[in-house]
């Protein structure tokens, strides 16, 4: 059932910000170039499995948004590094689901650095994620 997801959305996202584009704060966003400069970082792709199957960023793990929003803290724990200083970057194709996923995970892991990839492409970054623009 999507009822828990809808209730969470209404309580957390709608109550805090009226629009999806403002669901995450500026400090919760990271550019693709910044992620490229951190090899070995934790990347969580919240796109549906079928989209992940079409193309994926190397070393990223897929937790579909709908599944993630239903997970308990102990279910997500294997994907979150034990070192709270190690950031976790979430992304999707358009950025909306990853924004909401960051907010959701911050409720479970407030001590961790959780950020979403933003659409701010700097030099060289476009080639890194170019595959997402064409499927």
C-alpha atoms as a PDB file:
ATOM      1  CA  UNK A   1       0.000   0.000   0.000  1.00  0.00           C
ATOM      2  CA  UNK A   2       1.199   3.517  -0.748  1.00  0.00           C
ATOM      3  CA  UNK A   3      -0.552   4.978   2.301  1.00  0.00           C
ATOM      4  CA  UNK A   4       2.579   5.210   4.526  1.00  0.00           C
ATOM      5  CA  UNK A   5       4.481   6.868   1.671  1.00  0.00           C
ATOM      6  CA  UNK A   6       1.692   9.381   1.098  1.00  0.00           C
ATOM      7  CA  UNK A   7       1.445  10.170   4.810  1.00  0.00           C
ATOM      8  CA  UNK A   8       5.212  10.645   5.055  1.00  0.00           C
ATOM      9  CA  UNK A   9       5.178  12.928   2.030  1.00  0.00           C
ATOM     10  CA  UNK A  10       2.336  15.043   3.404  1.00  0.00           C
ATOM     11  CA  UNK A  11       3.940  15.319   6.836  1.00  0.00           C
ATOM     12  CA  UNK A  12       7.557  15.848   5.829  1.00  0.00           C
ATOM     13  CA  UNK A  13       7.779  17.365   2.383  1.00  0.00           C
ATOM     14  CA  UNK A  14       4.539  19.256   2.018  1.00  0.00           C
ATOM     15  CA  UNK A  15       4.633  20.572   5.553  1.00  0.00           C
ATOM     16  CA  UNK A  16       8.192  21.867   5.167  1.00  0.00           C
ATOM     17  CA  UNK A  17       8.260  23.023   1.559  1.00  0.00           C
ATOM     18  CA  UNK A  18       5.408  23.591  -0.824  1.00  0.00           C
ATOM     19  CA  UNK A  19       7.242  22.465  -3.956  1.00  0.00           C
ATOM     20  CA  UNK A  20       9.294  19.392  -4.780  1.00  0.00           C
ATOM     21  CA  UNK A  21      12.130  21.492  -6.125  1.00  0.00           C
ATOM     22  CA  UNK A  22      12.665  22.892  -2.633  1.00  0.00           C
ATOM     23  CA  UNK A  23      12.486  19.544  -0.821  1.00  0.00           C
ATOM     24  CA  UNK A  24      16.217  19.602  -0.141  1.00  0.00           C
ATOM     25  CA  UNK A  25      18.284  22.484   1.113  1.00  0.00           C
ATOM     26  CA  UNK A  26      21.222  23.835  -0.885  1.00  0.00           C
ATOM     27  CA  UNK A  27      23.746  22.283   1.498  1.00  0.00           C
ATOM     28  CA  UNK A  28      22.156  18.888   0.806  1.00  0.00           C
ATOM     29  CA  UNK A  29      23.079  19.081  -2.880  1.00  0.00           C
ATOM     30  CA  UNK A  30      26.337  18.159  -4.551  1.00  0.00           C
ATOM     31  CA  UNK A  31      27.512  18.589  -8.121  1.00  0.00           C
ATOM     32  CA  UNK A  32      28.500  15.675 -10.305  1.00  0.00           C
ATOM     33  CA  UNK A  33      32.054  17.015 -10.404  1.00  0.00           C
ATOM     34  CA  UNK A  34      32.283  16.893  -6.602  1.00  0.00           C
ATOM     35  CA  UNK A  35      31.215  13.242  -6.650  1.00  0.00           C
ATOM     36  CA  UNK A  36      33.701  12.451  -9.423  1.00  0.00           C
ATOM     37  CA  UNK A  37      36.432  13.892  -7.227  1.00  0.00           C
ATOM     38  CA  UNK A  38      35.565  11.366  -4.474  1.00  0.00           C
ATOM     39  CA  UNK A  39      36.283   7.907  -5.915  1.00  0.00           C
ATOM     40  CA  UNK A  40      34.907   5.063  -3.863  1.00  0.00           C
ATOM     41  CA  UNK A  41      32.118   7.112  -2.297  1.00  0.00           C
ATOM     42  CA  UNK A  42      28.706   5.582  -1.566  1.00  0.00           C
ATOM     43  CA  UNK A  43      26.282   6.149  -4.453  1.00  0.00           C
ATOM     44  CA  UNK A  44      22.631   5.142  -4.134  1.00  0.00           C
ATOM     45  CA  UNK A  45      20.544   5.177  -7.292  1.00  0.00           C
ATOM     46  CA  UNK A  46      16.845   5.491  -6.403  1.00  0.00           C
ATOM     47  CA  UNK A  47      15.549   4.953  -9.938  1.00  0.00           C
ATOM     48  CA  UNK A  48      13.333   1.940 -10.699  1.00  0.00           C
ATOM     49  CA  UNK A  49      15.146  -1.351 -11.325  1.00  0.00           C
ATOM     50  CA  UNK A  50      14.301  -1.289 -15.015  1.00  0.00           C
ATOM     51  CA  UNK A  51      16.022   2.096 -15.447  1.00  0.00           C
ATOM     52  CA  UNK A  52      19.016   0.916 -13.423  1.00  0.00           C
ATOM     53  CA  UNK A  53      19.172  -2.086 -15.750  1.00  0.00           C
ATOM     54  CA  UNK A  54      19.362   0.188 -18.792  1.00  0.00           C
ATOM     55  CA  UNK A  55      22.315   2.144 -17.443  1.00  0.00           C
ATOM     56  CA  UNK A  56      24.054   2.580 -14.127  1.00  0.00           C
ATOM     57  CA  UNK A  57      26.928   4.546 -12.693  1.00  0.00           C
ATOM     58  CA  UNK A  58      29.831   2.273 -11.837  1.00  0.00           C
ATOM     59  CA  UNK A  59      29.837   1.081  -8.213  1.00  0.00           C
ATOM     60  CA  UNK A  60      26.394   2.523  -7.486  1.00  0.00           C
ATOM     61  CA  UNK A  61      23.784   0.444  -5.685  1.00  0.00           C
ATOM     62  CA  UNK A  62      20.133   0.487  -6.699  1.00  0.00           C
ATOM     63  CA  UNK A  63      17.434   0.934  -4.068  1.00  0.00           C
ATOM     64  CA  UNK A  64      14.274   1.924  -5.944  1.00  0.00           C
ATOM     65  CA  UNK A  65      12.573   4.959  -4.423  1.00  0.00           C
ATOM     66  CA  UNK A  66       9.311   3.161  -3.697  1.00  0.00           C
ATOM     67  CA  UNK A  67      11.190   0.358  -1.906  1.00  0.00           C
ATOM     68  CA  UNK A  68      13.419   2.772   0.006  1.00  0.00           C
ATOM     69  CA  UNK A  69      10.459   4.722   1.343  1.00  0.00           C
ATOM     70  CA  UNK A  70       9.039   1.535   2.837  1.00  0.00           C
ATOM     71  CA  UNK A  71      12.298   0.332   4.398  1.00  0.00           C
ATOM     72  CA  UNK A  72      13.069   0.401   8.087  1.00  0.00           C
ATOM     73  CA  UNK A  73      16.374   1.673   9.401  1.00  0.00           C
ATOM     74  CA  UNK A  74      17.763  -1.842   9.791  1.00  0.00           C
ATOM     75  CA  UNK A  75      16.904  -2.640   6.163  1.00  0.00           C
ATOM     76  CA  UNK A  76      18.796   0.404   4.883  1.00  0.00           C
ATOM     77  CA  UNK A  77      21.774  -0.069   7.234  1.00  0.00           C
ATOM     78  CA  UNK A  78      23.819  -2.331   4.896  1.00  0.00           C
ATOM     79  CA  UNK A  79      23.937   0.487   2.341  1.00  0.00           C
ATOM     80  CA  UNK A  80      24.968   3.255   4.742  1.00  0.00           C
ATOM     81  CA  UNK A  81      28.658   3.379   5.721  1.00  0.00           C
ATOM     82  CA  UNK A  82      29.484   2.959   9.397  1.00  0.00           C
ATOM     83  CA  UNK A  83      31.757   5.993   9.257  1.00  0.00           C
ATOM     84  CA  UNK A  84      29.464   9.001   9.667  1.00  0.00           C
ATOM     85  CA  UNK A  85      32.097  11.236   8.028  1.00  0.00           C
ATOM     86  CA  UNK A  86      31.741   9.273   4.764  1.00  0.00           C
ATOM     87  CA  UNK A  87      29.025  11.003   2.713  1.00  0.00           C
ATOM     88  CA  UNK A  88      26.249   9.146   0.936  1.00  0.00           C
ATOM     89  CA  UNK A  89      25.131  10.520  -2.432  1.00  0.00           C
ATOM     90  CA  UNK A  90      21.686   9.745  -3.812  1.00  0.00           C
ATOM     91  CA  UNK A  91      20.517  10.310  -7.337  1.00  0.00           C
ATOM     92  CA  UNK A  92      17.757   9.613  -9.821  1.00  0.00           C
ATOM     93  CA  UNK A  93      17.066  10.778 -13.346  1.00  0.00           C
ATOM     94  CA  UNK A  94      15.263  14.055 -12.624  1.00  0.00           C
ATOM     95  CA  UNK A  95      16.261  14.732  -9.020  1.00  0.00           C
ATOM     96  CA  UNK A  96      12.827  14.754  -7.424  1.00  0.00           C
ATOM     97  CA  UNK A  97      12.906  11.292  -5.860  1.00  0.00           C
ATOM     98  CA  UNK A  98      16.493  11.688  -4.682  1.00  0.00           C
ATOM     99  CA  UNK A  99      15.560  14.941  -2.909  1.00  0.00           C
ATOM    100  CA  UNK A 100      12.767  13.219  -1.027  1.00  0.00           C
ATOM    101  CA  UNK A 101      14.975  10.183  -0.334  1.00  0.00           C
ATOM    102  CA  UNK A 102      17.625  12.427   1.267  1.00  0.00           C
ATOM    103  CA  UNK A 103      14.997  13.924   3.583  1.00  0.00           C
ATOM    104  CA  UNK A 104      13.637  10.481   4.429  1.00  0.00           C
ATOM    105  CA  UNK A 105      17.065   9.017   5.221  1.00  0.00           C
ATOM    106  CA  UNK A 106      17.996  12.027   7.351  1.00  0.00           C
ATOM    107  CA  UNK A 107      15.202  10.999   9.704  1.00  0.00           C
ATOM    108  CA  UNK A 108      16.891   7.596  10.142  1.00  0.00           C
ATOM    109  CA  UNK A 109      20.520   8.752   9.924  1.00  0.00           C
ATOM    110  CA  UNK A 110      20.708  12.352  11.194  1.00  0.00           C
ATOM    111  CA  UNK A 111      24.401  11.980  12.031  1.00  0.00           C
ATOM    112  CA  UNK A 112      25.360  11.058   8.452  1.00  0.00           C
ATOM    113  CA  UNK A 113      26.101  13.362   5.538  1.00  0.00           C
ATOM    114  CA  UNK A 114      23.409  12.615   2.967  1.00  0.00           C
ATOM    115  CA  UNK A 115      23.368  14.577  -0.283  1.00  0.00           C
ATOM    116  CA  UNK A 116      21.703  14.429  -3.653  1.00  0.00           C
ATOM    117  CA  UNK A 117      23.320  14.928  -7.020  1.00  0.00           C
ATOM    118  CA  UNK A 118      22.092  18.189  -8.469  1.00  0.00           C
ATOM    119  CA  UNK A 119      21.773  19.174 -12.094  1.00  0.00           C
ATOM    120  CA  UNK A 120      24.679  21.595 -11.867  1.00  0.00           C
ATOM    121  CA  UNK A 121      27.069  20.133 -14.401  1.00  0.00           C
ATOM    122  CA  UNK A 122      30.560  21.543 -14.341  1.00  0.00           C
ATOM    123  CA  UNK A 123      33.328  20.896 -16.871  1.00  0.00           C
ATOM    124  CA  UNK A 124      33.706  17.202 -17.572  1.00  0.00           C
ATOM    125  CA  UNK A 125      30.749  16.110 -15.452  1.00  0.00           C
ATOM    126  CA  UNK A 126      28.347  15.989 -18.366  1.00  0.00           C
ATOM    127  CA  UNK A 127      30.312  13.145 -19.917  1.00  0.00           C
ATOM    128  CA  UNK A 128      30.140  11.197 -16.668  1.00  0.00           C
ATOM    129  CA  UNK A 129      26.351  11.232 -16.518  1.00  0.00           C
ATOM    130  CA  UNK A 130      25.636  11.720 -20.205  1.00  0.00           C
ATOM    131  CA  UNK A 131      24.081   8.277 -20.394  1.00  0.00           C
ATOM    132  CA  UNK A 132      21.161   9.448 -18.221  1.00  0.00           C
ATOM    133  CA  UNK A 133      20.250  12.147 -20.694  1.00  0.00           C
ATOM    134  CA  UNK A 134      19.536   9.786 -23.571  1.00  0.00           C
ATOM    135  CA  UNK A 135      17.559   6.823 -22.340  1.00  0.00           C
END
